[in-house]
C-alpha atoms as a PDB file:
ATOM      1  CA  MET A   1      26.736  -7.061 -17.562  1.00  0.00           C
ATOM      2  CA  ASN A   2      26.188  -3.699 -19.169  1.00  0.00           C
ATOM      3  CA  GLN A   3      24.970  -0.560 -17.450  1.00  0.00           C
ATOM      4  CA  LEU A   4      21.359  -0.934 -18.710  1.00  0.00           C
ATOM      5  CA  ALA A   5      21.136  -4.438 -17.156  1.00  0.00           C
ATOM      6  CA  LYS A   6      22.430  -3.113 -13.894  1.00  0.00           C
ATOM      7  CA  ASP A   7      19.852  -0.243 -13.960  1.00  0.00           C
ATOM      8  CA  ILE A   8      16.974  -2.613 -14.818  1.00  0.00           C
ATOM      9  CA  MET A   9      17.872  -4.755 -11.767  1.00  0.00           C
ATOM     10  CA  LYS A  10      17.736  -1.641  -9.618  1.00  0.00           C
ATOM     11  CA  TRP A  11      14.437  -0.467 -11.171  1.00  0.00           C
ATOM     12  CA  GLN A  12      12.906  -3.904 -10.494  1.00  0.00           C
ATOM     13  CA  LYS A  13      13.820  -3.870  -6.798  1.00  0.00           C
ATOM     14  CA  ARG A  14      13.903  -0.256  -5.645  1.00  0.00           C
ATOM     15  CA  SER A  15      10.918   2.081  -5.830  1.00  0.00           C
ATOM     16  CA  SER A  16      13.160   5.078  -4.915  1.00  0.00           C
ATOM     17  CA  LYS A  17      15.278   4.377  -8.002  1.00  0.00           C
ATOM     18  CA  ARG A  18      12.178   4.091 -10.204  1.00  0.00           C
ATOM     19  CA  HIS A  19      10.867   7.418  -8.990  1.00  0.00           C
ATOM     20  CA  GLU A  20      14.250   9.079  -9.131  1.00  0.00           C
ATOM     21  CA  ASP A  21      14.713   8.065 -12.863  1.00  0.00           C
ATOM     22  CA  GLY A  22      11.023   8.397 -13.850  1.00  0.00           C
ATOM     23  CA  VAL A  23      10.730   4.904 -15.302  1.00  0.00           C
ATOM     24  CA  PHE A  24       9.223   1.490 -14.531  1.00  0.00           C
ATOM     25  CA  ILE A  25       9.528  -2.080 -15.901  1.00  0.00           C
ATOM     26  CA  VAL A  26       6.938  -3.959 -17.846  1.00  0.00           C
ATOM     27  CA  GLU A  27       7.348  -7.696 -18.543  1.00  0.00           C
ATOM     28  CA  GLY A  28       5.559 -10.191 -20.664  1.00  0.00           C
ATOM     29  CA  ILE A  29       4.304 -10.133 -24.236  1.00  0.00           C
ATOM     30  CA  LYS A  30       0.690  -9.208 -23.513  1.00  0.00           C
ATOM     31  CA  MET A  31       1.599  -6.222 -21.395  1.00  0.00           C
ATOM     32  CA  PHE A  32       4.368  -5.247 -23.825  1.00  0.00           C
ATOM     33  CA  ARG A  33       1.871  -5.017 -26.635  1.00  0.00           C
ATOM     34  CA  GLU A  34      -0.239  -2.508 -24.693  1.00  0.00           C
ATOM     35  CA  ILE A  35       2.577  -0.045 -23.953  1.00  0.00           C
ATOM     36  CA  PRO A  36       1.974   3.317 -25.735  1.00  0.00           C
ATOM     37  CA  ALA A  37       4.942   3.485 -28.080  1.00  0.00           C
ATOM     38  CA  GLU A  38       5.816   7.062 -27.194  1.00  0.00           C
ATOM     39  CA  ARG A  39       6.596   6.005 -23.608  1.00  0.00           C
ATOM     40  CA  LEU A  40       9.121   3.336 -24.510  1.00  0.00           C
ATOM     41  CA  LYS A  41      12.699   3.915 -23.323  1.00  0.00           C
ATOM     42  CA  HIS A  42      14.345   0.520 -23.751  1.00  0.00           C
ATOM     43  CA  ILE A  43      13.282  -2.872 -25.066  1.00  0.00           C
ATOM     44  CA  VAL A  44      15.103  -5.996 -24.078  1.00  0.00           C
ATOM     45  CA  VAL A  45      14.374  -9.549 -25.341  1.00  0.00           C
ATOM     46  CA  SER A  46      16.042 -12.886 -24.672  1.00  0.00           C
ATOM     47  CA  ASP A  47      17.829 -14.827 -27.314  1.00  0.00           C
ATOM     48  CA  SER A  48      15.321 -17.707 -27.210  1.00  0.00           C
ATOM     49  CA  PHE A  49      12.386 -15.275 -27.443  1.00  0.00           C
ATOM     50  CA  ALA A  50      13.914 -13.658 -30.459  1.00  0.00           C
ATOM     51  CA  LYS A  51      14.257 -17.010 -32.233  1.00  0.00           C
ATOM     52  CA  GLN A  52      10.691 -18.077 -31.464  1.00  0.00           C
ATOM     53  CA  ASN A  53       9.015 -14.792 -32.123  1.00  0.00           C
ATOM     54  CA  GLN A  54      10.820 -13.348 -35.103  1.00  0.00           C
ATOM     55  CA  LYS A  55       7.933 -11.157 -36.379  1.00  0.00           C
ATOM     56  CA  GLU A  56       7.298  -9.776 -32.877  1.00  0.00           C
ATOM     57  CA  VAL A  57      10.945  -8.950 -32.495  1.00  0.00           C
ATOM     58  CA  ARG A  58      11.196  -7.257 -35.929  1.00  0.00           C
ATOM     59  CA  ASP A  59       8.157  -5.168 -35.104  1.00  0.00           C
ATOM     60  CA  ALA A  60       9.615  -4.228 -31.648  1.00  0.00           C
ATOM     61  CA  GLU A  61      12.940  -3.241 -33.238  1.00  0.00           C
ATOM     62  CA  LYS A  62      11.120  -1.158 -35.839  1.00  0.00           C
ATOM     63  CA  THR A  63       9.052   0.564 -33.092  1.00  0.00           C
ATOM     64  CA  ALA A  64      12.234   1.367 -31.102  1.00  0.00           C
ATOM     65  CA  LYS A  65      13.700   3.128 -34.165  1.00  0.00           C
ATOM     66  CA  THR A  66      10.635   5.397 -34.398  1.00  0.00           C
ATOM     67  CA  VAL A  67      10.801   6.562 -30.761  1.00  0.00           C
ATOM     68  CA  PRO A  68      13.520   9.153 -30.036  1.00  0.00           C
ATOM     69  CA  GLY A  69      16.020   7.748 -27.537  1.00  0.00           C
ATOM     70  CA  CYS A  70      14.568   4.261 -27.421  1.00  0.00           C
ATOM     71  CA  THR A  71      16.939   1.360 -27.593  1.00  0.00           C
ATOM     72  CA  PHE A  72      16.500  -2.316 -28.515  1.00  0.00           C
ATOM     73  CA  GLU A  73      18.672  -5.149 -27.354  1.00  0.00           C
ATOM     74  CA  ILE A  74      18.772  -8.967 -27.559  1.00  0.00           C
ATOM     75  CA  VAL A  75      20.549 -10.639 -24.644  1.00  0.00           C
ATOM     76  CA  SER A  76      21.401 -14.176 -23.651  1.00  0.00           C
ATOM     77  CA  ASP A  77      18.811 -16.188 -21.810  1.00  0.00           C
ATOM     78  CA  ASP A  78      21.025 -16.276 -18.687  1.00  0.00           C
ATOM     79  CA  GLN A  79      21.391 -12.480 -18.657  1.00  0.00           C
ATOM     80  CA  TYR A  80      17.658 -12.060 -19.252  1.00  0.00           C
ATOM     81  CA  ALA A  81      16.927 -14.335 -16.333  1.00  0.00           C
ATOM     82  CA  ARG A  82      19.079 -12.167 -14.021  1.00  0.00           C
ATOM     83  CA  ILE A  83      17.224  -8.959 -14.918  1.00  0.00           C
ATOM     84  CA  SER A  84      13.698 -10.437 -14.951  1.00  0.00           C
ATOM     85  CA  ASP A  85      11.423 -10.215 -11.898  1.00  0.00           C
ATOM     86  CA  THR A  86       9.401 -13.312 -12.761  1.00  0.00           C
ATOM     87  CA  LYS A  87      10.092 -16.952 -11.939  1.00  0.00           C
ATOM     88  CA  THR A  88       9.213 -18.076 -15.495  1.00  0.00           C
ATOM     89  CA  PRO A  89      10.380 -15.159 -17.720  1.00  0.00           C
ATOM     90  CA  GLN A  90       8.588 -14.782 -21.028  1.00  0.00           C
ATOM     91  CA  GLY A  91      11.620 -13.175 -22.584  1.00  0.00           C
ATOM     92  CA  VAL A  92      10.538  -9.628 -23.294  1.00  0.00           C
ATOM     93  CA  LEU A  93      10.624  -6.522 -21.109  1.00  0.00           C
ATOM     94  CA  ALA A  94      10.544  -2.786 -21.529  1.00  0.00           C
ATOM     95  CA  VAL A  95      11.589   0.259 -19.634  1.00  0.00           C
ATOM     96  CA  VAL A  96       8.750   2.673 -19.715  1.00  0.00           C
ATOM     97  CA  GLU A  97       8.476   6.413 -18.916  1.00  0.00           C
ATOM     98  CA  SER A  98       6.467   6.984 -15.699  1.00  0.00           C
ATOM     99  CA  TYR A  99       3.115   8.835 -15.759  1.00  0.00           C
ATOM    100  CA  ARG A 100       2.837  12.150 -13.947  1.00  0.00           C
ATOM    101  CA  TYR A 101      -0.815  12.954 -13.314  1.00  0.00           C
ATOM    102  CA  ARG A 102      -1.805  15.701 -10.846  1.00  0.00           C
ATOM    103  CA  ALA A 103      -4.681  15.325  -8.496  1.00  0.00           C
ATOM    104  CA  GLU A 104      -5.937  18.903  -9.191  1.00  0.00           C
ATOM    105  CA  ASP A 105      -6.214  18.059 -12.888  1.00  0.00           C
ATOM    106  CA  LEU A 106      -8.198  14.885 -12.230  1.00  0.00           C
ATOM    107  CA  LEU A 107     -10.540  16.723  -9.941  1.00  0.00           C
ATOM    108  CA  LYS A 108     -11.514  19.175 -12.635  1.00  0.00           C
ATOM    109  CA  GLU A 109     -13.611  16.494 -14.321  1.00  0.00           C
ATOM    110  CA  GLU A 110     -17.334  17.253 -14.232  1.00  0.00           C
ATOM    111  CA  ASN A 111     -19.250  14.770 -12.041  1.00  0.00           C
ATOM    112  CA  GLY A 112     -16.053  12.791 -11.507  1.00  0.00           C
ATOM    113  CA  LEU A 113     -15.944   9.373  -9.834  1.00  0.00           C
ATOM    114  CA  PHE A 114     -12.867   8.787  -7.733  1.00  0.00           C
ATOM    115  CA  ILE A 115     -11.308   6.069  -5.622  1.00  0.00           C
ATOM    116  CA  LEU A 116      -9.195   7.397  -2.770  1.00  0.00           C
ATOM    117  CA  LEU A 117      -6.749   4.935  -1.245  1.00  0.00           C
ATOM    118  CA  GLU A 118      -5.060   5.300   2.141  1.00  0.00           C
ATOM    119  CA  ASN A 119      -2.087   3.110   3.076  1.00  0.00           C
ATOM    120  CA  LEU A 120      -3.064   0.224   0.805  1.00  0.00           C
ATOM    121  CA  GLN A 121      -0.190  -2.253   0.907  1.00  0.00           C
ATOM    122  CA  ASP A 122      -1.057  -5.311  -1.077  1.00  0.00           C
ATOM    123  CA  PRO A 123       0.177  -5.104  -4.758  1.00  0.00           C
ATOM    124  CA  GLY A 124      -2.573  -7.402  -5.983  1.00  0.00           C
ATOM    125  CA  ASN A 125      -5.240  -5.157  -4.446  1.00  0.00           C
ATOM    126  CA  LEU A 126      -3.896  -1.994  -5.996  1.00  0.00           C
ATOM    127  CA  GLY A 127      -3.501  -3.641  -9.410  1.00  0.00           C
ATOM    128  CA  THR A 128      -6.996  -5.072  -9.247  1.00  0.00           C
ATOM    129  CA  ILE A 129      -8.472  -1.712  -8.216  1.00  0.00           C
ATOM    130  CA  LEU A 130      -6.836  -0.059 -11.297  1.00  0.00           C
ATOM    131  CA  ARG A 131      -8.227  -2.730 -13.553  1.00  0.00           C
ATOM    132  CA  SER A 132     -11.717  -2.571 -12.075  1.00  0.00           C
ATOM    133  CA  SER A 133     -11.635   1.237 -12.133  1.00  0.00           C
ATOM    134  CA  GLU A 134     -11.013   1.273 -15.852  1.00  0.00           C
ATOM    135  CA  ALA A 135     -13.796  -1.266 -16.461  1.00  0.00           C
ATOM    136  CA  ALA A 136     -16.300   0.747 -14.278  1.00  0.00           C
ATOM    137  CA  GLY A 137     -15.478   4.079 -15.847  1.00  0.00           C
ATOM    138  CA  VAL A 138     -13.792   5.660 -12.763  1.00  0.00           C
ATOM    139  CA  THR A 139     -12.348   9.119 -13.481  1.00  0.00           C
ATOM    140  CA  GLY A 140      -9.248   8.617 -11.424  1.00  0.00           C
ATOM    141  CA  ILE A 141      -7.542   7.030  -8.474  1.00  0.00           C
ATOM    142  CA  ILE A 142      -5.899   9.183  -5.865  1.00  0.00           C
ATOM    143  CA  MET A 143      -3.631   7.572  -3.232  1.00  0.00           C
ATOM    144  CA  ASN A 144      -1.331   8.744  -0.439  1.00  0.00           C
ATOM    145  CA  ARG A 145       2.387   8.104  -0.551  1.00  0.00           C
ATOM    146  CA  GLU A 146       2.147   5.312   2.076  1.00  0.00           C
ATOM    147  CA  CYS A 147       0.372   3.078  -0.432  1.00  0.00           C
ATOM    148  CA  VAL A 148       2.350   0.344  -2.128  1.00  0.00           C
ATOM    149  CA  ASP A 149       4.254   1.737  -5.132  1.00  0.00           C
ATOM    150  CA  ILE A 150       2.057   1.744  -8.167  1.00  0.00           C
ATOM    151  CA  TYR A 151       5.118   0.782 -10.286  1.00  0.00           C
ATOM    152  CA  ASN A 152       5.884  -2.316  -8.135  1.00  0.00           C
ATOM    153  CA  PRO A 153       6.198  -5.197 -10.738  1.00  0.00           C
ATOM    154  CA  LYS A 154       3.439  -7.149  -8.928  1.00  0.00           C
ATOM    155  CA  VAL A 155       1.094  -4.160  -9.168  1.00  0.00           C
ATOM    156  CA  ILE A 156       1.829  -3.748 -12.813  1.00  0.00           C
ATOM    157  CA  ARG A 157       1.107  -7.414 -13.600  1.00  0.00           C
ATOM    158  CA  ALA A 158      -2.155  -7.259 -11.690  1.00  0.00           C
ATOM    159  CA  THR A 159      -3.401  -4.260 -13.685  1.00  0.00           C
ATOM    160  CA  MET A 160      -3.372  -6.375 -16.862  1.00  0.00           C
ATOM    161  CA  GLY A 161      -2.651  -3.220 -18.921  1.00  0.00           C
ATOM    162  CA  SER A 162      -5.019  -0.826 -17.195  1.00  0.00           C
ATOM    163  CA  LEU A 163      -2.005   1.051 -15.830  1.00  0.00           C
ATOM    164  CA  PHE A 164      -1.541   2.555 -19.316  1.00  0.00           C
ATOM    165  CA  ARG A 165      -5.086   3.906 -19.484  1.00  0.00           C
ATOM    166  CA  MET A 166      -6.297   4.563 -15.909  1.00  0.00           C
ATOM    167  CA  ARG A 167      -5.347   7.952 -14.507  1.00  0.00           C
ATOM    168  CA  PHE A 168      -3.949   8.140 -10.992  1.00  0.00           C
ATOM    169  CA  ALA A 169      -2.293  10.615  -8.695  1.00  0.00           C
ATOM    170  CA  ILE A 170      -0.129  10.321  -5.601  1.00  0.00           C
ATOM    171  CA  VAL A 171      -0.490  12.970  -2.825  1.00  0.00           C
ATOM    172  CA  ASP A 172       1.062  13.679   0.523  1.00  0.00           C
ATOM    173  CA  ASP A 173      -2.308  14.190   2.231  1.00  0.00           C
ATOM    174  CA  LEU A 174      -5.776  13.080   1.127  1.00  0.00           C
ATOM    175  CA  LYS A 175      -7.691  15.628   3.254  1.00  0.00           C
ATOM    176  CA  PRO A 176      -7.213  18.483   0.746  1.00  0.00           C
ATOM    177  CA  VAL A 177      -8.613  16.135  -1.936  1.00  0.00           C
ATOM    178  CA  LEU A 178     -11.780  15.751   0.155  1.00  0.00           C
ATOM    179  CA  HIS A 179     -12.034  19.546   0.525  1.00  0.00           C
ATOM    180  CA  ALA A 180     -11.639  19.997  -3.228  1.00  0.00           C
ATOM    181  CA  ILE A 181     -14.348  17.477  -3.927  1.00  0.00           C
ATOM    182  CA  ARG A 182     -16.680  19.203  -1.419  1.00  0.00           C
ATOM    183  CA  GLU A 183     -15.987  22.589  -3.079  1.00  0.00           C
ATOM    184  CA  ARG A 184     -17.225  21.114  -6.418  1.00  0.00           C
ATOM    185  CA  GLY A 185     -20.471  20.086  -4.787  1.00  0.00           C
ATOM    186  CA  GLY A 186     -19.366  16.503  -4.445  1.00  0.00           C
ATOM    187  CA  LYS A 187     -19.287  14.014  -1.569  1.00  0.00           C
ATOM    188  CA  SER A 188     -16.785  11.518  -0.172  1.00  0.00           C
ATOM    189  CA  TYR A 189     -17.783   8.254   1.409  1.00  0.00           C
ATOM    190  CA  ALA A 190     -15.762   6.138   3.775  1.00  0.00           C
ATOM    191  CA  ALA A 191     -16.218   2.395   3.362  1.00  0.00           C
ATOM    192  CA  HIS A 192     -16.315   1.735   7.081  1.00  0.00           C
ATOM    193  CA  LEU A 193     -17.390  -1.015   9.507  1.00  0.00           C
ATOM    194  CA  LYS A 194     -19.162   1.709  11.501  1.00  0.00           C
ATOM    195  CA  GLY A 195     -21.238   2.629   8.469  1.00  0.00           C
ATOM    196  CA  ALA A 196     -24.982   2.758   9.192  1.00  0.00           C
ATOM    197  CA  VAL A 197     -26.054   3.310   5.577  1.00  0.00           C
ATOM    198  CA  ASP A 198     -26.033   0.496   2.985  1.00  0.00           C
ATOM    199  CA  TYR A 199     -23.739   1.405   0.022  1.00  0.00           C
ATOM    200  CA  ASP A 200     -26.580   1.332  -2.510  1.00  0.00           C
ATOM    201  CA  LEU A 201     -28.705   4.026  -0.856  1.00  0.00           C
ATOM    202  CA  PRO A 202     -26.760   7.315  -1.379  1.00  0.00           C
ATOM    203  CA  ASP A 203     -26.961   9.177  -4.757  1.00  0.00           C
ATOM    204  CA  TYR A 204     -23.609   8.951  -6.559  1.00  0.00           C
ATOM    205  CA  LYS A 205     -24.506  10.818  -9.744  1.00  0.00           C
ATOM    206  CA  ALA A 206     -22.672  13.989  -8.821  1.00  0.00           C
ATOM    207  CA  THR A 207     -18.891  14.134  -8.081  1.00  0.00           C
ATOM    208  CA  THR A 208     -18.209  11.163  -5.750  1.00  0.00           C
ATOM    209  CA  ALA A 209     -15.253   9.738  -4.008  1.00  0.00           C
ATOM    210  CA  PHE A 210     -15.085   6.305  -2.291  1.00  0.00           C
ATOM    211  CA  MET A 211     -12.370   5.964   0.385  1.00  0.00           C
ATOM    212  CA  ILE A 212     -10.667   2.610   0.888  1.00  0.00           C
ATOM    213  CA  GLY A 213      -8.152   2.043   3.680  1.00  0.00           C
ATOM    214  CA  ASN A 214      -5.402  -0.296   4.717  1.00  0.00           C
ATOM    215  CA  GLU A 215      -6.184  -4.039   4.406  1.00  0.00           C
ATOM    216  CA  SER A 216      -5.810  -4.830   8.097  1.00  0.00           C
ATOM    217  CA  GLN A 217      -6.444  -1.502   9.763  1.00  0.00           C
ATOM    218  CA  GLY A 218      -8.953   0.181   7.423  1.00  0.00           C
ATOM    219  CA  LEU A 219      -9.124   3.916   7.112  1.00  0.00           C
ATOM    220  CA  SER A 220      -7.442   6.081   9.762  1.00  0.00           C
ATOM    221  CA  ASP A 221      -9.790   7.884  12.125  1.00  0.00           C
ATOM    222  CA  ALA A 222      -8.488  11.246  10.950  1.00  0.00           C
ATOM    223  CA  LEU A 223      -9.334  10.605   7.311  1.00  0.00           C
ATOM    224  CA  SER A 224     -12.627   8.723   7.825  1.00  0.00           C
ATOM    225  CA  GLU A 225     -13.911  11.478  10.111  1.00  0.00           C
ATOM    226  CA  ALA A 226     -13.262  13.989   7.323  1.00  0.00           C
ATOM    227  CA  ALA A 227     -15.617  12.044   4.935  1.00  0.00           C
ATOM    228  CA  ASP A 228     -19.134  13.235   4.242  1.00  0.00           C
ATOM    229  CA  GLY A 229     -20.570   9.908   5.161  1.00  0.00           C
ATOM    230  CA  TYR A 230     -19.971   6.296   6.226  1.00  0.00           C
ATOM    231  CA  ILE A 231     -21.318   3.472   4.091  1.00  0.00           C
ATOM    232  CA  LYS A 232     -21.284  -0.249   4.516  1.00  0.00           C
ATOM    233  CA  ILE A 233     -21.557  -3.348   2.305  1.00  0.00           C
ATOM    234  CA  PRO A 234     -24.007  -5.656   4.077  1.00  0.00           C
ATOM    235  CA  MET A 235     -22.516  -9.024   5.171  1.00  0.00           C
ATOM    236  CA  GLN A 236     -24.178 -12.318   5.740  1.00  0.00           C
ATOM    237  CA  GLY A 237     -22.881 -15.366   7.507  1.00  0.00           C
ATOM    238  CA  LYS A 238     -19.814 -14.814   9.665  1.00  0.00           C
ATOM    239  CA  VAL A 239     -17.940 -12.554   7.174  1.00  0.00           C
ATOM    240  CA  GLU A 240     -16.847  -9.302   8.778  1.00  0.00           C
ATOM    241  CA  SER A 241     -15.409  -7.528   5.758  1.00  0.00           C
ATOM    242  CA  LEU A 242     -14.325  -7.920   2.155  1.00  0.00           C
ATOM    243  CA  ASN A 243     -11.011  -7.722   0.353  1.00  0.00           C
ATOM    244  CA  ALA A 244     -10.108  -4.051  -0.320  1.00  0.00           C
ATOM    245  CA  ALA A 245     -10.188  -4.510  -4.078  1.00  0.00           C
ATOM    246  CA  MET A 246     -13.494  -6.382  -3.989  1.00  0.00           C
ATOM    247  CA  ALA A 247     -15.093  -3.705  -1.768  1.00  0.00           C
ATOM    248  CA  ALA A 248     -13.822  -0.904  -4.040  1.00  0.00           C
ATOM    249  CA  THR A 249     -15.169  -2.760  -7.101  1.00  0.00           C
ATOM    250  CA  ILE A 250     -18.628  -3.159  -5.616  1.00  0.00           C
ATOM    251  CA  LEU A 251     -18.814   0.537  -4.744  1.00  0.00           C
ATOM    252  CA  MET A 252     -17.596   1.813  -8.136  1.00  0.00           C
ATOM    253  CA  TYR A 253     -20.027  -0.379  -9.993  1.00  0.00           C
ATOM    254  CA  GLU A 254     -22.966   0.856  -7.917  1.00  0.00           C
ATOM    255  CA  ALA A 255     -21.985   4.404  -8.927  1.00  0.00           C
ATOM    256  CA  ALA A 256     -21.704   3.261 -12.541  1.00  0.00           C
ATOM    257  CA  ARG A 257     -25.115   1.630 -12.376  1.00  0.00           C
ATOM    258  CA  GLN A 258     -26.782   4.778 -10.981  1.00  0.00           C
ATOM    259  CA  ARG A 259     -25.105   6.961 -13.675  1.00  0.00           C
ATOM    260  CA  LYS A 260     -26.589   4.825 -16.401  1.00  0.00           C
ATOM    261  CA  SER A 261     -30.170   5.265 -15.171  1.00  0.00           C
END
């Protein structure tokens, strides 16, 4: 096993290694096709994939030659299975340069729409929120460092490619973000069980941030108390709350609806 294979196995499993080296792993043909070429670092395909997808492989090899420092390699099916993170590997993966957005740059957007995430832990939730945010026209996602790693392979798969287009920033503390939004004349809203105002009543046309907390514990008291208001999504039947990604999607689409009118 060569050094690249050993590194890929580490990048698959260890978020600290991904952040240290500034890369993440993308697997599967659909996701591979969506990677911006200039961010490619390494392309690895299995022998069987290469035999069954000759044109795709020729194109990938040609792309690798146009990107400075990018490598292309065909490996045995057994070796590919060892470096893959999926149970049924498709036979193509890429090492991709990480994105480095800054919260202060995102917040410069006029009348921005933001999703703020605190301690979110489920990879599927985070990936879905990225995907929904792109679809709803969200300006950016800002999350604290206690959230699940955005480059977790499960998160990447759940984004369905939105990771390459949706801007996001990771911060030590979300409170300064709330302060910056307030300074720009905007407001932040905590999706909270104590909310007395239905989510579709406030005006979201100016700079707006929706705050979504941990799946089991919700937002911390310290952060939710720093919000400009609490909002709720009305529930019928015996349902007490919605999945974090579903709640975030409902809120961002209400803001998008208002901004169209």
